[in-house]
Amino acid sequence: MSVLTGSISNGFLGRAFAVISAAGAAAAAVEAHRAPRDRDLRTLGIDPQGFRQVRR
């Protein structure tokens, strides 16, 4: 792996891409009336247990 590739995947751009992907996946799950994956919620800084306790 080159230095540039490593800095992208481990740095700001990699983190930004992970957050944007998790946000899209969580939004799609909620729109489909499904629970988002715990991994996506944690990436977004949301406690999965707390999310499940939220009611409409």
PDB file of N, CA and C in Angstrom:
ATOM      1  N   MET A   1       0.853  -1.165   0.000  1.00  0.00           N
ATOM      2  CA  MET A   1       0.000   0.000   0.000  1.00  0.00           C
ATOM      3  C   MET A   1       0.902   1.233   0.000  1.00  0.00           C
ATOM      4  N   SER A   2       0.601   2.173  -0.835  1.00  0.00           N
ATOM      5  CA  SER A   2       1.400   3.382  -0.901  1.00  0.00           C
ATOM      6  C   SER A   2       1.075   4.297   0.271  1.00  0.00           C
ATOM      7  N   VAL A   3       1.917   5.278   0.483  1.00  0.00           N
ATOM      8  CA  VAL A   3       1.707   6.227   1.574  1.00  0.00           C
ATOM      9  C   VAL A   3       0.405   6.991   1.361  1.00  0.00           C
ATOM     10  N   LEU A   4       0.122   7.392   0.141  1.00  0.00           N
ATOM     11  CA  LEU A   4      -1.099   8.146  -0.148  1.00  0.00           C
ATOM     12  C   LEU A   4      -2.345   7.304   0.114  1.00  0.00           C
ATOM     13  N   THR A   5      -2.328   6.066  -0.321  1.00  0.00           N
ATOM     14  CA  THR A   5      -3.476   5.187  -0.107  1.00  0.00           C
ATOM     15  C   THR A   5      -3.697   4.954   1.381  1.00  0.00           C
ATOM     16  N   GLY A   6      -2.639   4.739   2.124  1.00  0.00           N
ATOM     17  CA  GLY A   6      -2.758   4.536   3.567  1.00  0.00           C
ATOM     18  C   GLY A   6      -3.294   5.758   4.274  1.00  0.00           C
ATOM     19  N   SER A   7      -2.860   6.933   3.868  1.00  0.00           N
ATOM     20  CA  SER A   7      -3.344   8.146   4.531  1.00  0.00           C
ATOM     21  C   SER A   7      -4.798   8.416   4.200  1.00  0.00           C
ATOM     22  N   ILE A   8      -5.244   8.029   3.022  1.00  0.00           N
ATOM     23  CA  ILE A   8      -6.651   8.224   2.662  1.00  0.00           C
ATOM     24  C   ILE A   8      -7.541   7.271   3.456  1.00  0.00           C
ATOM     25  N   SER A   9      -7.167   6.000   3.509  1.00  0.00           N
ATOM     26  CA  SER A   9      -8.029   5.031   4.186  1.00  0.00           C
ATOM     27  C   SER A   9      -8.019   5.200   5.696  1.00  0.00           C
ATOM     28  N   ASN A  10      -6.926   5.674   6.265  1.00  0.00           N
ATOM     29  CA  ASN A  10      -6.828   5.820   7.712  1.00  0.00           C
ATOM     30  C   ASN A  10      -7.035   7.254   8.179  1.00  0.00           C
ATOM     31  N   GLY A  11      -7.133   8.175   7.270  1.00  0.00           N
ATOM     32  CA  GLY A  11      -7.216   9.568   7.635  1.00  0.00           C
ATOM     33  C   GLY A  11      -8.602  10.148   7.487  1.00  0.00           C
ATOM     34  N   PHE A  12      -8.607  11.443   7.271  1.00  0.00           N
ATOM     35  CA  PHE A  12      -9.852  12.195   7.209  1.00  0.00           C
ATOM     36  C   PHE A  12     -10.783  11.702   6.107  1.00  0.00           C
ATOM     37  N   LEU A  13     -10.268  11.477   4.924  1.00  0.00           N
ATOM     38  CA  LEU A  13     -11.124  11.066   3.810  1.00  0.00           C
ATOM     39  C   LEU A  13     -11.738   9.692   4.044  1.00  0.00           C
ATOM     40  N   GLY A  14     -10.990   8.782   4.596  1.00  0.00           N
ATOM     41  CA  GLY A  14     -11.528   7.461   4.899  1.00  0.00           C
ATOM     42  C   GLY A  14     -12.628   7.537   5.937  1.00  0.00           C
ATOM     43  N   ARG A  15     -12.408   8.353   6.961  1.00  0.00           N
ATOM     44  CA  ARG A  15     -13.424   8.517   8.010  1.00  0.00           C
ATOM     45  C   ARG A  15     -14.668   9.205   7.453  1.00  0.00           C
ATOM     46  N   ALA A  16     -14.473  10.218   6.630  1.00  0.00           N
ATOM     47  CA  ALA A  16     -15.609  10.926   6.032  1.00  0.00           C
ATOM     48  C   ALA A  16     -16.431   9.980   5.159  1.00  0.00           C
ATOM     49  N   PHE A  17     -15.764   9.167   4.375  1.00  0.00           N
ATOM     50  CA  PHE A  17     -16.473   8.202   3.533  1.00  0.00           C
ATOM     51  C   PHE A  17     -17.245   7.199   4.388  1.00  0.00           C
ATOM     52  N   ALA A  18     -16.651   6.742   5.489  1.00  0.00           N
ATOM     53  CA  ALA A  18     -17.328   5.792   6.377  1.00  0.00           C
ATOM     54  C   ALA A  18     -18.577   6.414   6.992  1.00  0.00           C
ATOM     55  N   VAL A  19     -18.488   7.666   7.405  1.00  0.00           N
ATOM     56  CA  VAL A  19     -19.640   8.338   8.015  1.00  0.00           C
ATOM     57  C   VAL A  19     -20.752   8.547   6.993  1.00  0.00           C
ATOM     58  N   ILE A  20     -20.398   8.981   5.790  1.00  0.00           N
ATOM     59  CA  ILE A  20     -21.404   9.201   4.744  1.00  0.00           C
ATOM     60  C   ILE A  20     -22.077   7.882   4.369  1.00  0.00           C
ATOM     61  N   SER A  21     -21.307   6.815   4.266  1.00  0.00           N
ATOM     62  CA  SER A  21     -21.867   5.501   3.940  1.00  0.00           C
ATOM     63  C   SER A  21     -22.794   5.007   5.044  1.00  0.00           C
ATOM     64  N   ALA A  22     -22.368   5.174   6.298  1.00  0.00           N
ATOM     65  CA  ALA A  22     -23.195   4.734   7.424  1.00  0.00           C
ATOM     66  C   ALA A  22     -24.486   5.539   7.500  1.00  0.00           C
ATOM     67  N   ALA A  23     -24.401   6.833   7.227  1.00  0.00           N
ATOM     68  CA  ALA A  23     -25.604   7.677   7.247  1.00  0.00           C
ATOM     69  C   ALA A  23     -26.591   7.239   6.168  1.00  0.00           C
ATOM     70  N   GLY A  24     -26.086   6.949   4.992  1.00  0.00           N
ATOM     71  CA  GLY A  24     -26.957   6.483   3.913  1.00  0.00           C
ATOM     72  C   GLY A  24     -27.600   5.146   4.230  1.00  0.00           C
ATOM     73  N   ALA A  25     -26.821   4.232   4.790  1.00  0.00           N
ATOM     74  CA  ALA A  25     -27.349   2.910   5.138  1.00  0.00           C
ATOM     75  C   ALA A  25     -28.385   3.009   6.255  1.00  0.00           C
ATOM     76  N   ALA A  26     -28.119   3.835   7.249  1.00  0.00           N
ATOM     77  CA  ALA A  26     -29.068   3.998   8.357  1.00  0.00           C
ATOM     78  C   ALA A  26     -30.355   4.660   7.874  1.00  0.00           C
ATOM     79  N   ALA A  27     -30.237   5.666   7.030  1.00  0.00           N
ATOM     80  CA  ALA A  27     -31.427   6.345   6.502  1.00  0.00           C
ATOM     81  C   ALA A  27     -32.269   5.393   5.661  1.00  0.00           C
ATOM     82  N   ALA A  28     -31.620   4.590   4.839  1.00  0.00           N
ATOM     83  CA  ALA A  28     -32.354   3.631   4.005  1.00  0.00           C
ATOM     84  C   ALA A  28     -33.075   2.602   4.872  1.00  0.00           C
ATOM     85  N   ALA A  29     -32.428   2.156   5.943  1.00  0.00           N
ATOM     86  CA  ALA A  29     -33.059   1.179   6.824  1.00  0.00           C
ATOM     87  C   ALA A  29     -34.284   1.777   7.514  1.00  0.00           C
ATOM     88  N   VAL A  30     -34.158   3.000   7.990  1.00  0.00           N
ATOM     89  CA  VAL A  30     -35.289   3.640   8.673  1.00  0.00           C
ATOM     90  C   VAL A  30     -36.436   3.876   7.702  1.00  0.00           C
ATOM     91  N   GLU A  31     -36.137   4.303   6.489  1.00  0.00           N
ATOM     92  CA  GLU A  31     -37.189   4.515   5.491  1.00  0.00           C
ATOM     93  C   GLU A  31     -37.905   3.218   5.149  1.00  0.00           C
ATOM     94  N   ALA A  32     -37.192   2.095   5.221  1.00  0.00           N
ATOM     95  CA  ALA A  32     -37.786   0.790   4.922  1.00  0.00           C
ATOM     96  C   ALA A  32     -38.400   0.148   6.172  1.00  0.00           C
ATOM     97  N   HIS A  33     -38.491   0.922   7.260  1.00  0.00           N
ATOM     98  CA  HIS A  33     -39.073   0.444   8.520  1.00  0.00           C
ATOM     99  C   HIS A  33     -38.301  -0.737   9.098  1.00  0.00           C
ATOM    100  N   ARG A  34     -36.984  -0.686   8.927  1.00  0.00           N
ATOM    101  CA  ARG A  34     -36.100  -1.698   9.517  1.00  0.00           C
ATOM    102  C   ARG A  34     -35.154  -0.997  10.484  1.00  0.00           C
ATOM    103  N   ALA A  35     -34.581  -1.761  11.391  1.00  0.00           N
ATOM    104  CA  ALA A  35     -33.589  -1.213  12.311  1.00  0.00           C
ATOM    105  C   ALA A  35     -32.234  -1.128  11.599  1.00  0.00           C
ATOM    106  N   PRO A  36     -31.550  -0.004  11.719  1.00  0.00           N
ATOM    107  CA  PRO A  36     -30.201   0.100  11.141  1.00  0.00           C
ATOM    108  C   PRO A  36     -29.230  -0.852  11.847  1.00  0.00           C
ATOM    109  N   ARG A  37     -28.172  -1.219  11.169  1.00  0.00           N
ATOM    110  CA  ARG A  37     -27.161  -2.080  11.783  1.00  0.00           C
ATOM    111  C   ARG A  37     -26.458  -1.333  12.914  1.00  0.00           C
ATOM    112  N   ASP A  38     -26.103  -2.079  13.948  1.00  0.00           N
ATOM    113  CA  ASP A  38     -25.400  -1.489  15.086  1.00  0.00           C
ATOM    114  C   ASP A  38     -24.105  -0.813  14.641  1.00  0.00           C
ATOM    115  N   ARG A  39     -23.398  -1.427  13.709  1.00  0.00           N
ATOM    116  CA  ARG A  39     -22.139  -0.865  13.223  1.00  0.00           C
ATOM    117  C   ARG A  39     -22.344   0.519  12.615  1.00  0.00           C
ATOM    118  N   ASP A  40     -23.408   0.683  11.832  1.00  0.00           N
ATOM    119  CA  ASP A  40     -23.677   1.979  11.219  1.00  0.00           C
ATOM    120  C   ASP A  40     -24.022   3.019  12.280  1.00  0.00           C
ATOM    121  N   LEU A  41     -24.814   2.630  13.256  1.00  0.00           N
ATOM    122  CA  LEU A  41     -25.167   3.562  14.322  1.00  0.00           C
ATOM    123  C   LEU A  41     -23.937   3.981  15.120  1.00  0.00           C
ATOM    124  N   ARG A  42     -23.067   3.029  15.453  1.00  0.00           N
ATOM    125  CA  ARG A  42     -21.847   3.360  16.194  1.00  0.00           C
ATOM    126  C   ARG A  42     -20.938   4.276  15.388  1.00  0.00           C
ATOM    127  N   THR A  43     -20.854   4.059  14.084  1.00  0.00           N
ATOM    128  CA  THR A  43     -20.049   4.922  13.224  1.00  0.00           C
ATOM    129  C   THR A  43     -20.552   6.360  13.275  1.00  0.00           C
ATOM    130  N   LEU A  44     -21.865   6.516  13.404  1.00  0.00           N
ATOM    131  CA  LEU A  44     -22.477   7.836  13.464  1.00  0.00           C
ATOM    132  C   LEU A  44     -22.474   8.422  14.878  1.00  0.00           C
ATOM    133  N   GLY A  45     -21.964   7.664  15.844  1.00  0.00           N
ATOM    134  CA  GLY A  45     -21.909   8.145  17.225  1.00  0.00           C
ATOM    135  C   GLY A  45     -23.221   7.986  17.966  1.00  0.00           C
ATOM    136  N   ILE A  46     -24.067   7.065  17.509  1.00  0.00           N
ATOM    137  CA  ILE A  46     -25.375   6.826  18.126  1.00  0.00           C
ATOM    138  C   ILE A  46     -25.323   5.509  18.881  1.00  0.00           C
ATOM    139  N   ASP A  47     -25.804   5.519  20.116  1.00  0.00           N
ATOM    140  CA  ASP A  47     -25.865   4.305  20.918  1.00  0.00           C
ATOM    141  C   ASP A  47     -26.977   3.410  20.370  1.00  0.00           C
ATOM    142  N   PRO A  48     -26.659   2.190  19.915  1.00  0.00           N
ATOM    143  CA  PRO A  48     -27.682   1.311  19.346  1.00  0.00           C
ATOM    144  C   PRO A  48     -28.828   1.011  20.309  1.00  0.00           C
ATOM    145  N   GLN A  49     -28.526   0.818  21.601  1.00  0.00           N
ATOM    146  CA  GLN A  49     -29.577   0.539  22.576  1.00  0.00           C
ATOM    147  C   GLN A  49     -30.492   1.752  22.738  1.00  0.00           C
ATOM    148  N   GLY A  50     -29.921   2.923  22.793  1.00  0.00           N
ATOM    149  CA  GLY A  50     -30.712   4.141  22.908  1.00  0.00           C
ATOM    150  C   GLY A  50     -31.573   4.376  21.676  1.00  0.00           C
ATOM    151  N   PHE A  51     -31.044   4.040  20.516  1.00  0.00           N
ATOM    152  CA  PHE A  51     -31.807   4.209  19.280  1.00  0.00           C
ATOM    153  C   PHE A  51     -33.053   3.325  19.286  1.00  0.00           C
ATOM    154  N   ARG A  52     -32.917   2.114  19.792  1.00  0.00           N
ATOM    155  CA  ARG A  52     -34.052   1.195  19.822  1.00  0.00           C
ATOM    156  C   ARG A  52     -35.144   1.634  20.794  1.00  0.00           C
ATOM    157  N   GLN A  53     -34.785   2.456  21.761  1.00  0.00           N
ATOM    158  CA  GLN A  53     -35.765   2.918  22.741  1.00  0.00           C
ATOM    159  C   GLN A  53     -36.575   4.105  22.234  1.00  0.00           C
ATOM    160  N   VAL A  54     -36.151   4.715  21.154  1.00  0.00           N
ATOM    161  CA  VAL A  54     -36.868   5.861  20.604  1.00  0.00           C
ATOM    162  C   VAL A  54     -38.164   5.371  19.964  1.00  0.00           C
ATOM    163  N   ARG A  55     -39.244   6.034  20.286  1.00  0.00           N
ATOM    164  CA  ARG A  55     -40.546   5.696  19.711  1.00  0.00           C
ATOM    165  C   ARG A  55     -41.022   6.851  18.854  1.00  0.00           C
ATOM    166  N   ARG A  56     -41.915   6.563  17.935  1.00  0.00           N
ATOM    167  CA  ARG A  56     -42.446   7.606  17.050  1.00  0.00           C
ATOM    168  C   ARG A  56     -43.314   8.558  17.801  1.00  0.00           C
TER     169      ARG A  56
END
